Amino acid sequence: VLIICGGSATDLPEMTPKYAKDFNVIDSFDTHATIPQHFANVDAA
């Protein structure tokens, strides 16, 4: 499991989908308003 320790503003929206293709990943994305969008991007990856 790769634990992605980046910021929610700019890091995690890019990093989590990118690395979910090659690893089991986990993040702490905390921008509540955009969680559904982040979920969809990561789910597809």
ModelCIF file with pLDDT and N, C-alpha, C, O atoms, coordinates in Angstrom:
data_MODEL
#
_entry.id   MODEL 
#
_entity.id                         1 
_entity.type                       polymer 
_entity.pdbx_number_of_molecules   1 
#
_entity_poly.entity_id                      1 
_entity_poly.type                           'polypeptide(L)' 
_entity_poly.nstd_linkage                   no 
_entity_poly.nstd_monomer                   no 
_entity_poly.pdbx_seq_one_letter_code       VLIICGGSATDLPEMTPKYAKDFNVIDSFDTHATIPQHFANVDAA 
_entity_poly.pdbx_seq_one_letter_code_can   VLIICGGSATDLPEMTPKYAKDFNVIDSFDTHATIPQHFANVDAA 
_entity_poly.pdbx_strand_id                 A 
#
loop_
_entity_poly_seq.entity_id 
_entity_poly_seq.num 
_entity_poly_seq.mon_id 
_entity_poly_seq.hetero 
1 1  VAL n 
1 2  LEU n 
1 3  ILE n 
1 4  ILE n 
1 5  CYS n 
1 6  GLY n 
1 7  GLY n 
1 8  SER n 
1 9  ALA n 
1 10 THR n 
1 11 ASP n 
1 12 LEU n 
1 13 PRO n 
1 14 GLU n 
1 15 MET n 
1 16 THR n 
1 17 PRO n 
1 18 LYS n 
1 19 TYR n 
1 20 ALA n 
1 21 LYS n 
1 22 ASP n 
1 23 PHE n 
1 24 ASN n 
1 25 VAL n 
1 26 ILE n 
1 27 ASP n 
1 28 SER n 
1 29 PHE n 
1 30 ASP n 
1 31 THR n 
1 32 HIS n 
1 33 ALA n 
1 34 THR n 
1 35 ILE n 
1 36 PRO n 
1 37 GLN n 
1 38 HIS n 
1 39 PHE n 
1 40 ALA n 
1 41 ASN n 
1 42 VAL n 
1 43 ASP n 
1 44 ALA n 
1 45 ALA n 
#
_struct_asym.id          A 
_struct_asym.entity_id   1 
#
loop_
_ma_qa_metric.id 
_ma_qa_metric.mode 
_ma_qa_metric.name 
_ma_qa_metric.software_group_id 
_ma_qa_metric.type 
1 global pLDDT . pLDDT 
2 local  pLDDT . pLDDT 
#
_ma_qa_metric_global.metric_id      1 
_ma_qa_metric_global.metric_value   96.16 
_ma_qa_metric_global.model_id       1 
_ma_qa_metric_global.ordinal_id     1 
#
loop_
_ma_qa_metric_local.label_asym_id 
_ma_qa_metric_local.label_comp_id 
_ma_qa_metric_local.label_seq_id 
_ma_qa_metric_local.metric_id 
_ma_qa_metric_local.metric_value 
_ma_qa_metric_local.model_id 
_ma_qa_metric_local.ordinal_id 
A VAL 1  2 98.00 1 1  
A LEU 2  2 98.00 1 2  
A ILE 3  2 98.00 1 3  
A ILE 4  2 98.00 1 4  
A CYS 5  2 97.00 1 5  
A GLY 6  2 93.00 1 6  
A GLY 7  2 89.00 1 7  
A SER 8  2 89.00 1 8  
A ALA 9  2 83.00 1 9  
A THR 10 2 90.00 1 10 
A ASP 11 2 95.00 1 11 
A LEU 12 2 97.00 1 12 
A PRO 13 2 97.00 1 13 
A GLU 14 2 98.00 1 14 
A MET 15 2 98.00 1 15 
A THR 16 2 98.00 1 16 
A PRO 17 2 98.00 1 17 
A LYS 18 2 98.00 1 18 
A TYR 19 2 98.00 1 19 
A ALA 20 2 98.00 1 20 
A LYS 21 2 97.00 1 21 
A ASP 22 2 98.00 1 22 
A PHE 23 2 98.00 1 23 
A ASN 24 2 98.00 1 24 
A VAL 25 2 98.00 1 25 
A ILE 26 2 98.00 1 26 
A ASP 27 2 98.00 1 27 
A SER 28 2 97.00 1 28 
A PHE 29 2 97.00 1 29 
A ASP 30 2 91.00 1 30 
A THR 31 2 91.00 1 31 
A HIS 32 2 92.00 1 32 
A ALA 33 2 92.00 1 33 
A THR 34 2 96.00 1 34 
A ILE 35 2 98.00 1 35 
A PRO 36 2 98.00 1 36 
A GLN 37 2 98.00 1 37 
A HIS 38 2 98.00 1 38 
A PHE 39 2 98.00 1 39 
A ALA 40 2 98.00 1 40 
A ASN 41 2 98.00 1 41 
A VAL 42 2 98.00 1 42 
A ASP 43 2 98.00 1 43 
A ALA 44 2 98.00 1 44 
A ALA 45 2 98.00 1 45 
#
loop_
_atom_site.group_PDB 
_atom_site.id 
_atom_site.type_symbol 
_atom_site.label_atom_id 
_atom_site.label_alt_id 
_atom_site.label_comp_id 
_atom_site.label_asym_id 
_atom_site.label_entity_id 
_atom_site.label_seq_id 
_atom_site.pdbx_PDB_ins_code 
_atom_site.Cartn_x 
_atom_site.Cartn_y 
_atom_site.Cartn_z 
_atom_site.occupancy 
_atom_site.B_iso_or_equiv 
_atom_site.pdbx_formal_charge 
_atom_site.auth_seq_id 
_atom_site.auth_comp_id 
_atom_site.auth_asym_id 
_atom_site.auth_atom_id 
_atom_site.pdbx_PDB_model_num 
ATOM 1   N N  . VAL A 1 1  ? 0.853   -1.187 0.000   1.00 98.00 ? 1  VAL A N  1 
ATOM 2   C CA . VAL A 1 1  ? 0.000   0.000  0.000   1.00 98.00 ? 1  VAL A CA 1 
ATOM 3   C C  . VAL A 1 1  ? 0.889   1.236  0.000   1.00 98.00 ? 1  VAL A C  1 
ATOM 4   O O  . VAL A 1 1  ? 1.792   1.364  0.827   1.00 98.00 ? 1  VAL A O  1 
ATOM 5   N N  . LEU A 1 2  ? 0.625   2.142  -0.933  1.00 98.00 ? 2  LEU A N  1 
ATOM 6   C CA . LEU A 1 2  ? 1.352   3.407  -1.030  1.00 98.00 ? 2  LEU A CA 1 
ATOM 7   C C  . LEU A 1 2  ? 0.504   4.494  -0.378  1.00 98.00 ? 2  LEU A C  1 
ATOM 8   O O  . LEU A 1 2  ? -0.619  4.753  -0.810  1.00 98.00 ? 2  LEU A O  1 
ATOM 9   N N  . ILE A 1 3  ? 1.038   5.124  0.653   1.00 98.00 ? 3  ILE A N  1 
ATOM 10  C CA . ILE A 1 3  ? 0.318   6.190  1.349   1.00 98.00 ? 3  ILE A CA 1 
ATOM 11  C C  . ILE A 1 3  ? 0.796   7.526  0.790   1.00 98.00 ? 3  ILE A C  1 
ATOM 12  O O  . ILE A 1 3  ? 1.966   7.885  0.920   1.00 98.00 ? 3  ILE A O  1 
ATOM 13  N N  . ILE A 1 4  ? -0.125  8.253  0.170   1.00 98.00 ? 4  ILE A N  1 
ATOM 14  C CA . ILE A 1 4  ? 0.225   9.486  -0.531  1.00 98.00 ? 4  ILE A CA 1 
ATOM 15  C C  . ILE A 1 4  ? 0.044   10.668 0.417   1.00 98.00 ? 4  ILE A C  1 
ATOM 16  O O  . ILE A 1 4  ? -1.071  10.977 0.836   1.00 98.00 ? 4  ILE A O  1 
ATOM 17  N N  . CYS A 1 5  ? 1.143   11.316 0.745   1.00 97.00 ? 5  CYS A N  1 
ATOM 18  C CA . CYS A 1 5  ? 1.141   12.369 1.758   1.00 97.00 ? 5  CYS A CA 1 
ATOM 19  C C  . CYS A 1 5  ? 1.339   13.729 1.096   1.00 97.00 ? 5  CYS A C  1 
ATOM 20  O O  . CYS A 1 5  ? 2.383   14.361 1.258   1.00 97.00 ? 5  CYS A O  1 
ATOM 21  N N  . GLY A 1 6  ? 0.343   14.169 0.362   1.00 93.00 ? 6  GLY A N  1 
ATOM 22  C CA . GLY A 1 6  ? 0.392   15.459 -0.301  1.00 93.00 ? 6  GLY A CA 1 
ATOM 23  C C  . GLY A 1 6  ? -0.738  16.348 0.154   1.00 93.00 ? 6  GLY A C  1 
ATOM 24  O O  . GLY A 1 6  ? -1.590  15.934 0.940   1.00 93.00 ? 6  GLY A O  1 
ATOM 25  N N  . GLY A 1 7  ? -0.745  17.569 -0.340  1.00 89.00 ? 7  GLY A N  1 
ATOM 26  C CA . GLY A 1 7  ? -1.791  18.524 0.011   1.00 89.00 ? 7  GLY A CA 1 
ATOM 27  C C  . GLY A 1 7  ? -3.009  18.362 -0.878  1.00 89.00 ? 7  GLY A C  1 
ATOM 28  O O  . GLY A 1 7  ? -2.899  17.956 -2.035  1.00 89.00 ? 7  GLY A O  1 
ATOM 29  N N  . SER A 1 8  ? -4.175  18.685 -0.326  1.00 89.00 ? 8  SER A N  1 
ATOM 30  C CA . SER A 1 8  ? -5.429  18.521 -1.060  1.00 89.00 ? 8  SER A CA 1 
ATOM 31  C C  . SER A 1 8  ? -5.635  19.591 -2.125  1.00 89.00 ? 8  SER A C  1 
ATOM 32  O O  . SER A 1 8  ? -6.380  19.373 -3.080  1.00 89.00 ? 8  SER A O  1 
ATOM 33  N N  . ALA A 1 9  ? -4.987  20.742 -1.975  1.00 83.00 ? 9  ALA A N  1 
ATOM 34  C CA . ALA A 1 9  ? -5.231  21.847 -2.900  1.00 83.00 ? 9  ALA A CA 1 
ATOM 35  C C  . ALA A 1 9  ? -4.784  21.510 -4.314  1.00 83.00 ? 9  ALA A C  1 
ATOM 36  O O  . ALA A 1 9  ? -5.535  21.707 -5.270  1.00 83.00 ? 9  ALA A O  1 
ATOM 37  N N  . THR A 1 10 ? -3.553  21.000 -4.452  1.00 90.00 ? 10 THR A N  1 
ATOM 38  C CA . THR A 1 10 ? -3.031  20.740 -5.800  1.00 90.00 ? 10 THR A CA 1 
ATOM 39  C C  . THR A 1 10 ? -2.400  19.365 -5.959  1.00 90.00 ? 10 THR A C  1 
ATOM 40  O O  . THR A 1 10 ? -2.409  18.821 -7.063  1.00 90.00 ? 10 THR A O  1 
ATOM 41  N N  . ASP A 1 11 ? -1.853  18.786 -4.899  1.00 95.00 ? 11 ASP A N  1 
ATOM 42  C CA . ASP A 1 11 ? -1.135  17.511 -5.016  1.00 95.00 ? 11 ASP A CA 1 
ATOM 43  C C  . ASP A 1 11 ? -2.057  16.314 -5.251  1.00 95.00 ? 11 ASP A C  1 
ATOM 44  O O  . ASP A 1 11 ? -1.945  15.626 -6.266  1.00 95.00 ? 11 ASP A O  1 
ATOM 45  N N  . LEU A 1 12 ? -2.953  16.076 -4.324  1.00 97.00 ? 12 LEU A N  1 
ATOM 46  C CA . LEU A 1 12 ? -3.726  14.837 -4.340  1.00 97.00 ? 12 LEU A CA 1 
ATOM 47  C C  . LEU A 1 12 ? -4.651  14.688 -5.551  1.00 97.00 ? 12 LEU A C  1 
ATOM 48  O O  . LEU A 1 12 ? -4.796  13.575 -6.056  1.00 97.00 ? 12 LEU A O  1 
ATOM 49  N N  . PRO A 1 13 ? -5.284  15.767 -6.041  1.00 97.00 ? 13 PRO A N  1 
ATOM 50  C CA . PRO A 1 13 ? -6.127  15.583 -7.227  1.00 97.00 ? 13 PRO A CA 1 
ATOM 51  C C  . PRO A 1 13 ? -5.371  15.006 -8.420  1.00 97.00 ? 13 PRO A C  1 
ATOM 52  O O  . PRO A 1 13 ? -5.969  14.350 -9.273  1.00 97.00 ? 13 PRO A O  1 
ATOM 53  N N  . GLU A 1 14 ? -4.060  15.246 -8.485  1.00 98.00 ? 14 GLU A N  1 
ATOM 54  C CA . GLU A 1 14 ? -3.247  14.699 -9.572  1.00 98.00 ? 14 GLU A CA 1 
ATOM 55  C C  . GLU A 1 14 ? -2.554  13.400 -9.168  1.00 98.00 ? 14 GLU A C  1 
ATOM 56  O O  . GLU A 1 14 ? -2.519  12.445 -9.944  1.00 98.00 ? 14 GLU A O  1 
ATOM 57  N N  . MET A 1 15 ? -2.013  13.365 -7.977  1.00 98.00 ? 15 MET A N  1 
ATOM 58  C CA . MET A 1 15 ? -1.167  12.249 -7.572  1.00 98.00 ? 15 MET A CA 1 
ATOM 59  C C  . MET A 1 15 ? -1.940  10.960 -7.319  1.00 98.00 ? 15 MET A C  1 
ATOM 60  O O  . MET A 1 15 ? -1.503  9.888  -7.736  1.00 98.00 ? 15 MET A O  1 
ATOM 61  N N  . THR A 1 16 ? -3.080  11.050 -6.644  1.00 98.00 ? 16 THR A N  1 
ATOM 62  C CA . THR A 1 16 ? -3.795  9.823  -6.293  1.00 98.00 ? 16 THR A CA 1 
ATOM 63  C C  . THR A 1 16 ? -4.288  9.069  -7.529  1.00 98.00 ? 16 THR A C  1 
ATOM 64  O O  . THR A 1 16 ? -4.061  7.862  -7.608  1.00 98.00 ? 16 THR A O  1 
ATOM 65  N N  . PRO A 1 17 ? -4.947  9.709  -8.495  1.00 98.00 ? 17 PRO A N  1 
ATOM 66  C CA . PRO A 1 17 ? -5.319  8.971  -9.703  1.00 98.00 ? 17 PRO A CA 1 
ATOM 67  C C  . PRO A 1 17 ? -4.100  8.445  -10.466 1.00 98.00 ? 17 PRO A C  1 
ATOM 68  O O  . PRO A 1 17 ? -4.132  7.346  -11.019 1.00 98.00 ? 17 PRO A O  1 
ATOM 69  N N  . LYS A 1 18 ? -3.036  9.233  -10.491 1.00 98.00 ? 18 LYS A N  1 
ATOM 70  C CA . LYS A 1 18 ? -1.836  8.820  -11.226 1.00 98.00 ? 18 LYS A CA 1 
ATOM 71  C C  . LYS A 1 18 ? -1.260  7.525  -10.674 1.00 98.00 ? 18 LYS A C  1 
ATOM 72  O O  . LYS A 1 18 ? -0.938  6.616  -11.439 1.00 98.00 ? 18 LYS A O  1 
ATOM 73  N N  . TYR A 1 19 ? -1.129  7.432  -9.370  1.00 98.00 ? 19 TYR A N  1 
ATOM 74  C CA . TYR A 1 19 ? -0.466  6.275  -8.772  1.00 98.00 ? 19 TYR A CA 1 
ATOM 75  C C  . TYR A 1 19 ? -1.420  5.122  -8.476  1.00 98.00 ? 19 TYR A C  1 
ATOM 76  O O  . TYR A 1 19 ? -0.974  4.002  -8.226  1.00 98.00 ? 19 TYR A O  1 
ATOM 77  N N  . ALA A 1 20 ? -2.726  5.379  -8.502  1.00 98.00 ? 20 ALA A N  1 
ATOM 78  C CA . ALA A 1 20 ? -3.696  4.296  -8.304  1.00 98.00 ? 20 ALA A CA 1 
ATOM 79  C C  . ALA A 1 20 ? -3.670  3.296  -9.451  1.00 98.00 ? 20 ALA A C  1 
ATOM 80  O O  . ALA A 1 20 ? -4.174  2.181  -9.310  1.00 98.00 ? 20 ALA A O  1 
ATOM 81  N N  . LYS A 1 21 ? -3.095  3.674  -10.571 1.00 97.00 ? 21 LYS A N  1 
ATOM 82  C CA . LYS A 1 21 ? -2.982  2.746  -11.695 1.00 97.00 ? 21 LYS A CA 1 
ATOM 83  C C  . LYS A 1 21 ? -1.965  1.648  -11.421 1.00 97.00 ? 21 LYS A C  1 
ATOM 84  O O  . LYS A 1 21 ? -2.087  0.542  -11.948 1.00 97.00 ? 21 LYS A O  1 
ATOM 85  N N  . ASP A 1 22 ? -0.963  1.945  -10.601 1.00 98.00 ? 22 ASP A N  1 
ATOM 86  C CA . ASP A 1 22 ? 0.140   1.005  -10.396 1.00 98.00 ? 22 ASP A CA 1 
ATOM 87  C C  . ASP A 1 22 ? 0.285   0.507  -8.966  1.00 98.00 ? 22 ASP A C  1 
ATOM 88  O O  . ASP A 1 22 ? 1.048   -0.427 -8.720  1.00 98.00 ? 22 ASP A O  1 
ATOM 89  N N  . PHE A 1 23 ? -0.426  1.106  -8.019  1.00 98.00 ? 23 PHE A N  1 
ATOM 90  C CA . PHE A 1 23 ? -0.317  0.720  -6.612  1.00 98.00 ? 23 PHE A CA 1 
ATOM 91  C C  . PHE A 1 23 ? -1.694  0.688  -5.968  1.00 98.00 ? 23 PHE A C  1 
ATOM 92  O O  . PHE A 1 23 ? -2.627  1.327  -6.455  1.00 98.00 ? 23 PHE A O  1 
ATOM 93  N N  . ASN A 1 24 ? -1.822  -0.054 -4.877  1.00 98.00 ? 24 ASN A N  1 
ATOM 94  C CA . ASN A 1 24 ? -2.919  0.179  -3.945  1.00 98.00 ? 24 ASN A CA 1 
ATOM 95  C C  . ASN A 1 24 ? -2.561  1.449  -3.187  1.00 98.00 ? 24 ASN A C  1 
ATOM 96  O O  . ASN A 1 24 ? -1.475  1.539  -2.615  1.00 98.00 ? 24 ASN A O  1 
ATOM 97  N N  . VAL A 1 25 ? -3.454  2.432  -3.172  1.00 98.00 ? 25 VAL A N  1 
ATOM 98  C CA . VAL A 1 25 ? -3.105  3.736  -2.606  1.00 98.00 ? 25 VAL A CA 1 
ATOM 99  C C  . VAL A 1 25 ? -4.128  4.181  -1.570  1.00 98.00 ? 25 VAL A C  1 
ATOM 100 O O  . VAL A 1 25 ? -5.252  3.684  -1.510  1.00 98.00 ? 25 VAL A O  1 
ATOM 101 N N  . ILE A 1 26 ? -3.694  5.134  -0.761  1.00 98.00 ? 26 ILE A N  1 
ATOM 102 C CA . ILE A 1 26 ? -4.584  5.738  0.223   1.00 98.00 ? 26 ILE A CA 1 
ATOM 103 C C  . ILE A 1 26 ? -4.168  7.196  0.390   1.00 98.00 ? 26 ILE A C  1 
ATOM 104 O O  . ILE A 1 26 ? -2.979  7.514  0.398   1.00 98.00 ? 26 ILE A O  1 
ATOM 105 N N  . ASP A 1 27 ? -5.172  8.090  0.525   1.00 98.00 ? 27 ASP A N  1 
ATOM 106 C CA . ASP A 1 27 ? -4.850  9.507  0.734   1.00 98.00 ? 27 ASP A CA 1 
ATOM 107 C C  . ASP A 1 27 ? -5.763  10.113 1.781   1.00 98.00 ? 27 ASP A C  1 
ATOM 108 O O  . ASP A 1 27 ? -6.689  9.472  2.276   1.00 98.00 ? 27 ASP A O  1 
ATOM 109 N N  . SER A 1 28 ? -5.470  11.394 2.112   1.00 97.00 ? 28 SER A N  1 
ATOM 110 C CA . SER A 1 28 ? -6.256  12.121 3.124   1.00 97.00 ? 28 SER A CA 1 
ATOM 111 C C  . SER A 1 28 ? -6.905  13.346 2.500   1.00 97.00 ? 28 SER A C  1 
ATOM 112 O O  . SER A 1 28 ? -6.988  14.392 3.143   1.00 97.00 ? 28 SER A O  1 
ATOM 113 N N  . PHE A 1 29 ? -7.366  13.236 1.263   1.00 97.00 ? 29 PHE A N  1 
ATOM 114 C CA . PHE A 1 29 ? -7.980  14.355 0.553   1.00 97.00 ? 29 PHE A CA 1 
ATOM 115 C C  . PHE A 1 29 ? -9.128  14.940 1.386   1.00 97.00 ? 29 PHE A C  1 
ATOM 116 O O  . PHE A 1 29 ? -10.048 14.215 1.765   1.00 97.00 ? 29 PHE A O  1 
ATOM 117 N N  . ASP A 1 30 ? -9.077  16.243 1.670   1.00 91.00 ? 30 ASP A N  1 
ATOM 118 C CA . ASP A 1 30 ? -10.042 16.802 2.623   1.00 91.00 ? 30 ASP A CA 1 
ATOM 119 C C  . ASP A 1 30 ? -10.813 18.010 2.124   1.00 91.00 ? 30 ASP A C  1 
ATOM 120 O O  . ASP A 1 30 ? -11.385 18.747 2.927   1.00 91.00 ? 30 ASP A O  1 
ATOM 121 N N  . THR A 1 31 ? -10.840 18.231 0.809   1.00 91.00 ? 31 THR A N  1 
ATOM 122 C CA . THR A 1 31 ? -11.686 19.300 0.278   1.00 91.00 ? 31 THR A CA 1 
ATOM 123 C C  . THR A 1 31 ? -13.088 18.726 0.061   1.00 91.00 ? 31 THR A C  1 
ATOM 124 O O  . THR A 1 31 ? -13.372 18.150 -0.989  1.00 91.00 ? 31 THR A O  1 
ATOM 125 N N  . HIS A 1 32 ? -13.957 18.885 1.052   1.00 92.00 ? 32 HIS A N  1 
ATOM 126 C CA . HIS A 1 32 ? -15.252 18.205 1.064   1.00 92.00 ? 32 HIS A CA 1 
ATOM 127 C C  . HIS A 1 32 ? -16.056 18.454 -0.208  1.00 92.00 ? 32 HIS A C  1 
ATOM 128 O O  . HIS A 1 32 ? -16.699 17.542 -0.728  1.00 92.00 ? 32 HIS A O  1 
ATOM 129 N N  . ALA A 1 33 ? -16.021 19.669 -0.702  1.00 92.00 ? 33 ALA A N  1 
ATOM 130 C CA . ALA A 1 33 ? -16.877 20.020 -1.842  1.00 92.00 ? 33 ALA A CA 1 
ATOM 131 C C  . ALA A 1 33 ? -16.531 19.253 -3.106  1.00 92.00 ? 33 ALA A C  1 
ATOM 132 O O  . ALA A 1 33 ? -17.389 19.068 -3.969  1.00 92.00 ? 33 ALA A O  1 
ATOM 133 N N  . THR A 1 34 ? -15.298 18.807 -3.231  1.00 96.00 ? 34 THR A N  1 
ATOM 134 C CA . THR A 1 34 ? -14.895 18.133 -4.466  1.00 96.00 ? 34 THR A CA 1 
ATOM 135 C C  . THR A 1 34 ? -14.560 16.659 -4.260  1.00 96.00 ? 34 THR A C  1 
ATOM 136 O O  . THR A 1 34 ? -13.931 16.048 -5.124  1.00 96.00 ? 34 THR A O  1 
ATOM 137 N N  . ILE A 1 35 ? -14.963 16.085 -3.143  1.00 98.00 ? 35 ILE A N  1 
ATOM 138 C CA . ILE A 1 35 ? -14.744 14.654 -2.922  1.00 98.00 ? 35 ILE A CA 1 
ATOM 139 C C  . ILE A 1 35 ? -15.417 13.799 -4.006  1.00 98.00 ? 35 ILE A C  1 
ATOM 140 O O  . ILE A 1 35 ? -14.784 12.861 -4.490  1.00 98.00 ? 35 ILE A O  1 
ATOM 141 N N  . PRO A 1 36 ? -16.673 14.072 -4.416  1.00 98.00 ? 36 PRO A N  1 
ATOM 142 C CA . PRO A 1 36 ? -17.274 13.232 -5.463  1.00 98.00 ? 36 PRO A CA 1 
ATOM 143 C C  . PRO A 1 36 ? -16.463 13.208 -6.762  1.00 98.00 ? 36 PRO A C  1 
ATOM 144 O O  . PRO A 1 36 ? -16.322 12.158 -7.388  1.00 98.00 ? 36 PRO A O  1 
ATOM 145 N N  . GLN A 1 37 ? -15.941 14.344 -7.156  1.00 98.00 ? 37 GLN A N  1 
ATOM 146 C CA . GLN A 1 37 ? -15.126 14.406 -8.374  1.00 98.00 ? 37 GLN A CA 1 
ATOM 147 C C  . GLN A 1 37 ? -13.827 13.631 -8.192  1.00 98.00 ? 37 GLN A C  1 
ATOM 148 O O  . GLN A 1 37 ? -13.416 12.882 -9.078  1.00 98.00 ? 37 GLN A O  1 
ATOM 149 N N  . HIS A 1 38 ? -13.184 13.811 -7.048  1.00 98.00 ? 38 HIS A N  1 
ATOM 150 C CA . HIS A 1 38 ? -11.935 13.099 -6.755  1.00 98.00 ? 38 HIS A CA 1 
ATOM 151 C C  . HIS A 1 38 ? -12.188 11.596 -6.726  1.00 98.00 ? 38 HIS A C  1 
ATOM 152 O O  . HIS A 1 38 ? -11.391 10.821 -7.254  1.00 98.00 ? 38 HIS A O  1 
ATOM 153 N N  . PHE A 1 39 ? -13.285 11.186 -6.116  1.00 98.00 ? 39 PHE A N  1 
ATOM 154 C CA . PHE A 1 39 ? -13.638 9.762  -6.059  1.00 98.00 ? 39 PHE A CA 1 
ATOM 155 C C  . PHE A 1 39 ? -13.757 9.184  -7.465  1.00 98.00 ? 39 PHE A C  1 
ATOM 156 O O  . PHE A 1 39 ? -13.202 8.123  -7.750  1.00 98.00 ? 39 PHE A O  1 
ATOM 157 N N  . ALA A 1 40 ? -14.472 9.874  -8.336  1.00 98.00 ? 40 ALA A N  1 
ATOM 158 C CA . ALA A 1 40 ? -14.678 9.381  -9.697  1.00 98.00 ? 40 ALA A CA 1 
ATOM 159 C C  . ALA A 1 40 ? -13.357 9.233  -10.443 1.00 98.00 ? 40 ALA A C  1 
ATOM 160 O O  . ALA A 1 40 ? -13.145 8.242  -11.142 1.00 98.00 ? 40 ALA A O  1 
ATOM 161 N N  . ASN A 1 41 ? -12.467 10.215 -10.297 1.00 98.00 ? 41 ASN A N  1 
ATOM 162 C CA . ASN A 1 41 ? -11.178 10.154 -10.978 1.00 98.00 ? 41 ASN A CA 1 
ATOM 163 C C  . ASN A 1 41 ? -10.319 8.997  -10.471 1.00 98.00 ? 41 ASN A C  1 
ATOM 164 O O  . ASN A 1 41 ? -9.699  8.278  -11.255 1.00 98.00 ? 41 ASN A O  1 
ATOM 165 N N  . VAL A 1 42 ? -10.295 8.832  -9.157  1.00 98.00 ? 42 VAL A N  1 
ATOM 166 C CA . VAL A 1 42 ? -9.480  7.770  -8.567  1.00 98.00 ? 42 VAL A CA 1 
ATOM 167 C C  . VAL A 1 42 ? -10.082 6.400  -8.850  1.00 98.00 ? 42 VAL A C  1 
ATOM 168 O O  . VAL A 1 42 ? -9.354  5.438  -9.096  1.00 98.00 ? 42 VAL A O  1 
ATOM 169 N N  . ASP A 1 43 ? -11.411 6.308  -8.817  1.00 98.00 ? 43 ASP A N  1 
ATOM 170 C CA . ASP A 1 43 ? -12.085 5.033  -9.079  1.00 98.00 ? 43 ASP A CA 1 
ATOM 171 C C  . ASP A 1 43 ? -11.751 4.518  -10.476 1.00 98.00 ? 43 ASP A C  1 
ATOM 172 O O  . ASP A 1 43 ? -11.450 3.337  -10.655 1.00 98.00 ? 43 ASP A O  1 
ATOM 173 N N  . ALA A 1 44 ? -11.805 5.408  -11.462 1.00 98.00 ? 44 ALA A N  1 
ATOM 174 C CA . ALA A 1 44 ? -11.502 5.012  -12.838 1.00 98.00 ? 44 ALA A CA 1 
ATOM 175 C C  . ALA A 1 44 ? -10.054 4.526  -12.958 1.00 98.00 ? 44 ALA A C  1 
ATOM 176 O O  . ALA A 1 44 ? -9.782  3.525  -13.621 1.00 98.00 ? 44 ALA A O  1 
ATOM 177 N N  . ALA A 1 45 ? -9.142  5.234  -12.319 1.00 98.00 ? 45 ALA A N  1 
ATOM 178 C CA . ALA A 1 45 ? -7.730  4.869  -12.401 1.00 98.00 ? 45 ALA A CA 1 
ATOM 179 C C  . ALA A 1 45 ? -7.443  3.542  -11.711 1.00 98.00 ? 45 ALA A C  1 
ATOM 180 O O  . ALA A 1 45 ? -6.297  3.092  -11.691 1.00 98.00 ? 45 ALA A O  1 
#
